[in-house]
Amino acid sequence: MDLGLKGKVAFVAASSQGLGKSVAVELAREGASVIICGRNQRLLDETKLEIAVLNDGKVIAINGDLTSANDRERIVEETLSHFKKVDILVTNTGGPPAGKFEELSQEDWDDTYELLLASTVSLVRSFLPGMRSQSWGRIISITSQAVKQPVENLILSNSVRASVVGLMKTLASELGPYNITVNNVMPGYTETNRLKKLIQADPSVANAVDEIPLKRFGKPEEFAAAVTFLASERASYITGTSLAVDGGWVKSIL
């Protein structure tokens, strides 16, 4: 199946490792040019080399922290100076710390706002004009299954990620007339370093596999395939949705 991504430019946030990396790799396999960013230069360099083999070197790697307004501005400037436009924006960050309400400080809440919501708003604001001018675009936010079914001990993620979903649902309505689709993808328990850290903080998290109908944790490449489909021409009539890639963990009907 030709997904129609050859010649497209994709920006994938927080993509030196984990789910972001898996998405960047899959988009490159489909022929898209890719911008990756992250805070670890070694991991960025390694991921860039891996992607370059897949899409004839059409990849740039930018070191930066998405929680910093100055870094976000610099990342956007470097991206547009190199590729001039972004057709596909995949917003993504690492997850906020685990903990219950009384264990977390106001600083934890402020940092989570910058990490999850402010970074998403900033990136959309920066790349939207180019999408509107060409009447084509894809905006995809990597959120969490927690926006549909809150996860115990993850109150920061449960709360602030829900605001991202509200933003994206509203944008889907506003941007539909410009042929720009806006969707969320909600990963479930997936075999990443983030999951390992959650299990280290609370070993009982490993028992979540028993609640998953498929009886296993997901693979990053399975998640990436769903994101890449939503970025494609084949998904041109899908917008304003939140797609769970969770092995059936979320129990809600809608």
Protein backbone atom coordinates (compact mmCIF):
# COMPACT_ATOMS: atom_id res chain seq x y z
CA MET A 1 0.00 0.00 0.00
CA ASP A 2 1.40 3.39 -1.02
CA LEU A 3 0.74 5.81 1.83
CA GLY A 4 1.58 8.85 -0.27
CA LEU A 5 4.31 10.17 2.02
CA LYS A 6 7.14 10.48 -0.49
CA GLY A 7 8.14 14.13 -0.70
CA LYS A 8 6.43 15.04 2.58
CA VAL A 9 8.35 16.64 5.45
CA ALA A 10 7.68 15.32 8.96
CA PHE A 11 8.71 16.86 12.27
CA VAL A 12 8.67 14.35 15.12
CA ALA A 13 9.22 15.78 18.59
CA ALA A 14 11.24 13.95 21.25
CA SER A 15 12.37 11.39 18.71
CA SER A 16 15.87 10.26 19.69
CA GLN A 17 14.41 7.23 21.47
CA GLY A 18 11.18 5.52 22.47
CA LEU A 19 7.90 6.02 20.67
CA GLY A 20 9.08 9.21 18.97
CA LYS A 21 12.01 7.40 17.41
CA SER A 22 9.82 4.53 16.23
CA VAL A 23 7.48 7.00 14.51
CA ALA A 24 10.35 8.88 12.85
CA VAL A 25 11.81 5.61 11.57
CA GLU A 26 8.48 4.44 10.15
CA LEU A 27 7.83 7.76 8.40
CA ALA A 28 11.29 7.59 6.86
CA ARG A 29 10.57 4.06 5.61
CA GLU A 30 7.62 5.52 3.72
CA GLY A 31 9.86 8.09 2.04
CA ALA A 32 9.24 11.20 4.14
CA SER A 33 11.99 13.64 5.02
CA VAL A 34 12.29 13.74 8.80
CA ILE A 35 13.32 16.22 11.48
CA ILE A 36 14.14 14.62 14.82
CA CYS A 37 14.90 16.39 18.08
CA GLY A 38 15.90 15.48 21.60
CA ARG A 39 18.22 16.34 24.47
CA ASN A 40 20.72 13.49 24.19
CA GLN A 41 23.22 14.22 21.42
CA ARG A 42 24.58 10.68 21.30
CA LEU A 43 21.13 9.17 20.85
CA LEU A 44 20.24 11.83 18.28
CA ASP A 45 23.34 11.03 16.23
CA GLU A 46 22.63 7.30 16.36
CA THR A 47 19.00 7.74 15.35
CA LYS A 48 19.93 10.12 12.54
CA LEU A 49 22.30 7.51 11.07
CA GLU A 50 19.61 4.85 11.31
CA ILE A 51 17.05 7.01 9.53
CA ALA A 52 19.46 8.26 6.85
CA VAL A 53 19.81 4.71 5.54
CA LEU A 54 16.04 4.50 5.08
CA ASN A 55 15.30 7.76 3.25
CA ASP A 56 18.48 8.64 1.36
CA GLY A 57 19.79 10.96 4.05
CA LYS A 58 16.75 13.24 4.16
CA VAL A 59 16.97 13.78 7.91
CA ILE A 60 18.23 16.45 10.28
CA ALA A 61 18.74 16.12 14.02
CA ILE A 62 18.37 19.09 16.37
CA ASN A 63 19.45 19.06 19.99
CA GLY A 64 17.03 20.90 22.27
CA ASP A 65 14.67 20.81 25.23
CA LEU A 66 10.99 21.18 24.35
CA THR A 67 10.20 22.51 27.82
CA SER A 68 12.33 25.58 27.03
CA ALA A 69 10.65 28.36 25.02
CA ASN A 70 14.05 29.47 23.69
CA ASP A 71 14.93 25.96 22.58
CA ARG A 72 11.55 25.52 20.91
CA GLU A 73 12.07 28.73 18.95
CA ARG A 74 15.54 27.64 17.86
CA ILE A 75 14.34 24.16 16.85
CA VAL A 76 11.61 25.67 14.69
CA GLU A 77 14.02 28.14 13.07
CA GLU A 78 16.52 25.39 12.20
CA THR A 79 13.75 23.21 10.80
CA LEU A 80 12.29 25.89 8.54
CA SER A 81 15.69 27.12 7.39
CA HIS A 82 16.48 23.60 6.18
CA PHE A 83 13.15 22.31 4.81
CA LYS A 84 11.10 25.55 4.46
CA LYS A 85 7.91 23.77 5.55
CA VAL A 86 6.52 20.95 7.66
CA ASP A 87 3.69 18.83 6.25
CA ILE A 88 3.36 16.43 9.17
CA LEU A 89 3.74 17.46 12.80
CA VAL A 90 3.93 14.75 15.45
CA THR A 91 3.93 16.27 18.91
CA ASN A 92 5.45 14.14 21.62
CA THR A 93 7.37 14.41 24.87
CA GLY A 94 8.59 12.21 27.65
CA GLY A 95 6.15 11.53 30.44
CA PRO A 96 5.90 13.53 33.67
CA PRO A 97 6.88 11.89 36.97
CA ALA A 98 4.63 9.41 38.70
CA GLY A 99 3.12 10.22 42.06
CA LYS A 100 -0.03 10.98 43.99
CA PHE A 101 -1.43 14.51 44.40
CA GLU A 102 0.06 15.26 47.82
CA GLU A 103 3.47 13.95 46.78
CA LEU A 104 3.80 16.46 43.95
CA SER A 105 4.81 20.11 44.15
CA GLN A 106 3.51 23.15 42.31
CA GLU A 107 6.77 23.07 40.37
CA ASP A 108 5.92 19.55 39.19
CA TRP A 109 2.60 20.87 37.86
CA ASP A 110 4.23 23.86 36.17
CA ASP A 111 6.88 21.66 34.57
CA THR A 112 4.22 19.25 33.31
CA TYR A 113 2.28 22.10 31.74
CA GLU A 114 5.40 23.20 29.84
CA LEU A 115 6.25 19.63 28.90
CA LEU A 116 2.87 18.52 27.59
CA LEU A 117 0.66 21.47 26.70
CA ALA A 118 2.90 24.49 26.12
CA SER A 119 5.25 22.54 23.84
CA THR A 120 2.31 21.29 21.76
CA VAL A 121 0.76 24.75 21.41
CA SER A 122 4.10 26.26 20.43
CA LEU A 123 4.89 23.68 17.74
CA VAL A 124 1.41 23.85 16.22
CA ARG A 125 1.54 27.64 16.16
CA SER A 126 4.92 27.54 14.41
CA PHE A 127 4.16 25.04 11.66
CA LEU A 128 0.47 25.71 11.02
CA PRO A 129 0.94 28.69 8.64
CA GLY A 130 2.79 26.52 6.13
CA MET A 131 0.12 23.84 6.24
CA ARG A 132 -2.65 26.38 5.73
CA SER A 133 -0.89 28.01 2.79
CA GLN A 134 -0.70 24.70 0.92
CA SER A 135 -4.11 23.42 2.10
CA TRP A 136 -2.62 20.17 3.38
CA GLY A 137 -1.34 19.04 6.71
CA ARG A 138 -1.33 16.43 9.41
CA ILE A 139 -1.11 17.21 13.12
CA ILE A 140 -0.84 14.17 15.37
CA SER A 141 -0.38 14.27 19.13
CA ILE A 142 1.05 11.31 20.99
CA THR A 143 -0.87 11.32 24.26
CA SER A 144 -1.66 8.35 26.49
CA GLN A 145 -4.36 5.82 27.26
CA ALA A 146 -4.69 7.83 30.49
CA VAL A 147 -6.84 10.45 28.71
CA LYS A 148 -9.63 7.87 28.37
CA GLN A 149 -9.01 5.80 31.47
CA PRO A 150 -6.87 7.46 34.16
CA VAL A 151 -3.91 5.42 35.33
CA GLU A 152 -3.29 5.07 39.04
CA ASN A 153 -0.34 7.09 40.40
CA LEU A 154 -0.06 9.19 37.22
CA ILE A 155 -2.15 12.23 38.18
CA LEU A 156 0.07 14.67 36.28
CA SER A 157 -0.28 12.74 33.04
CA ASN A 158 -3.98 12.02 33.60
CA SER A 159 -4.72 15.72 34.08
CA VAL A 160 -2.59 17.67 31.63
CA ARG A 161 -2.72 15.22 28.73
CA ALA A 162 -6.51 15.60 28.78
CA SER A 163 -6.05 19.30 28.02
CA VAL A 164 -3.96 18.38 24.97
CA VAL A 165 -6.82 16.21 23.70
CA GLY A 166 -9.22 19.13 24.15
CA LEU A 167 -6.89 21.35 22.16
CA MET A 168 -6.56 18.85 19.33
CA LYS A 169 -10.30 18.18 19.11
CA THR A 170 -10.96 21.91 18.79
CA LEU A 171 -8.21 22.33 16.21
CA ALA A 172 -9.71 19.52 14.14
CA SER A 173 -12.89 21.59 13.79
CA GLU A 174 -11.06 24.84 13.07
CA LEU A 175 -8.60 23.42 10.55
CA GLY A 176 -10.78 20.98 8.65
CA PRO A 177 -11.66 23.56 5.96
CA TYR A 178 -7.94 23.82 5.15
CA ASN A 179 -7.58 20.07 4.54
CA ILE A 180 -5.56 19.68 7.73
CA THR A 181 -6.40 16.66 9.87
CA VAL A 182 -5.78 16.66 13.60
CA ASN A 183 -5.74 13.48 15.68
CA ASN A 184 -4.46 11.98 18.90
CA VAL A 185 -2.86 8.58 19.25
CA MET A 186 -2.99 7.01 22.70
CA PRO A 187 -0.29 4.46 23.42
CA GLY A 188 -0.98 1.82 25.98
CA TYR A 189 1.66 -0.10 27.86
CA THR A 190 4.47 -0.28 25.30
CA GLU A 191 7.95 -1.73 25.64
CA THR A 192 9.94 1.49 26.06
CA ASN A 193 12.33 2.91 28.64
CA ARG A 194 9.41 4.90 30.02
CA LEU A 195 7.59 1.68 30.89
CA LYS A 196 10.73 0.27 32.49
CA LYS A 197 11.00 3.35 34.71
CA LEU A 198 7.35 3.08 35.73
CA ILE A 199 7.87 -0.56 36.69
CA GLN A 200 10.99 0.36 38.67
CA ALA A 201 9.01 3.03 40.55
CA ASP A 202 6.10 0.66 41.12
CA PRO A 203 6.71 -3.05 40.34
CA SER A 204 2.97 -3.71 40.37
CA VAL A 205 2.76 -1.87 37.03
CA ALA A 206 4.10 -5.05 35.42
CA ASN A 207 0.85 -6.76 36.38
CA ALA A 208 -1.01 -4.52 33.93
CA VAL A 209 -0.30 -7.12 31.26
CA ASP A 210 -3.01 -9.26 32.86
CA GLU A 211 -5.57 -6.52 32.10
CA ILE A 212 -4.69 -6.36 28.40
CA PRO A 213 -6.86 -8.60 26.21
CA LEU A 214 -3.89 -9.44 23.98
CA LYS A 215 -1.92 -10.46 27.11
CA ARG A 216 1.26 -8.65 26.19
CA PHE A 217 2.76 -5.19 26.09
CA GLY A 218 2.87 -3.40 22.76
CA LYS A 219 5.89 -2.97 20.52
CA PRO A 220 7.02 0.53 19.48
CA GLU A 221 6.82 -0.38 15.80
CA GLU A 222 3.15 -1.36 16.20
CA PHE A 223 2.41 2.07 17.60
CA ALA A 224 4.44 3.77 14.86
CA ALA A 225 2.44 2.01 12.15
CA ALA A 226 -0.78 3.58 13.46
CA VAL A 227 0.71 7.07 13.59
CA THR A 228 2.13 6.73 10.10
CA PHE A 229 -1.23 5.68 8.71
CA LEU A 230 -2.89 8.76 10.22
CA ALA A 231 -0.17 10.89 8.61
CA SER A 232 -0.86 9.40 5.20
CA GLU A 233 -3.12 10.21 2.28
CA ARG A 234 -5.06 7.06 3.10
CA ALA A 235 -6.33 8.68 6.32
CA SER A 236 -7.60 11.84 4.63
CA TYR A 237 -11.11 11.52 6.11
CA ILE A 238 -10.06 10.83 9.69
CA THR A 239 -9.85 13.87 11.96
CA GLY A 240 -10.75 14.81 15.52
CA THR A 241 -10.30 11.28 16.78
CA SER A 242 -8.28 9.70 19.58
CA LEU A 243 -6.98 6.29 18.53
CA ALA A 244 -5.98 3.85 21.25
CA VAL A 245 -3.07 1.54 20.44
CA ASP A 246 -3.26 -0.37 23.68
CA GLY A 247 -4.06 -4.02 23.00
CA GLY A 248 -7.63 -3.40 24.19
CA TRP A 249 -6.71 -2.12 27.68
CA VAL A 250 -9.16 0.81 27.69
CA LYS A 251 -12.57 -0.57 28.60
CA SER A 252 -14.77 2.33 27.47
CA ILE A 253 -17.09 1.84 24.50
CA LEU A 254 -16.14 5.19 22.90
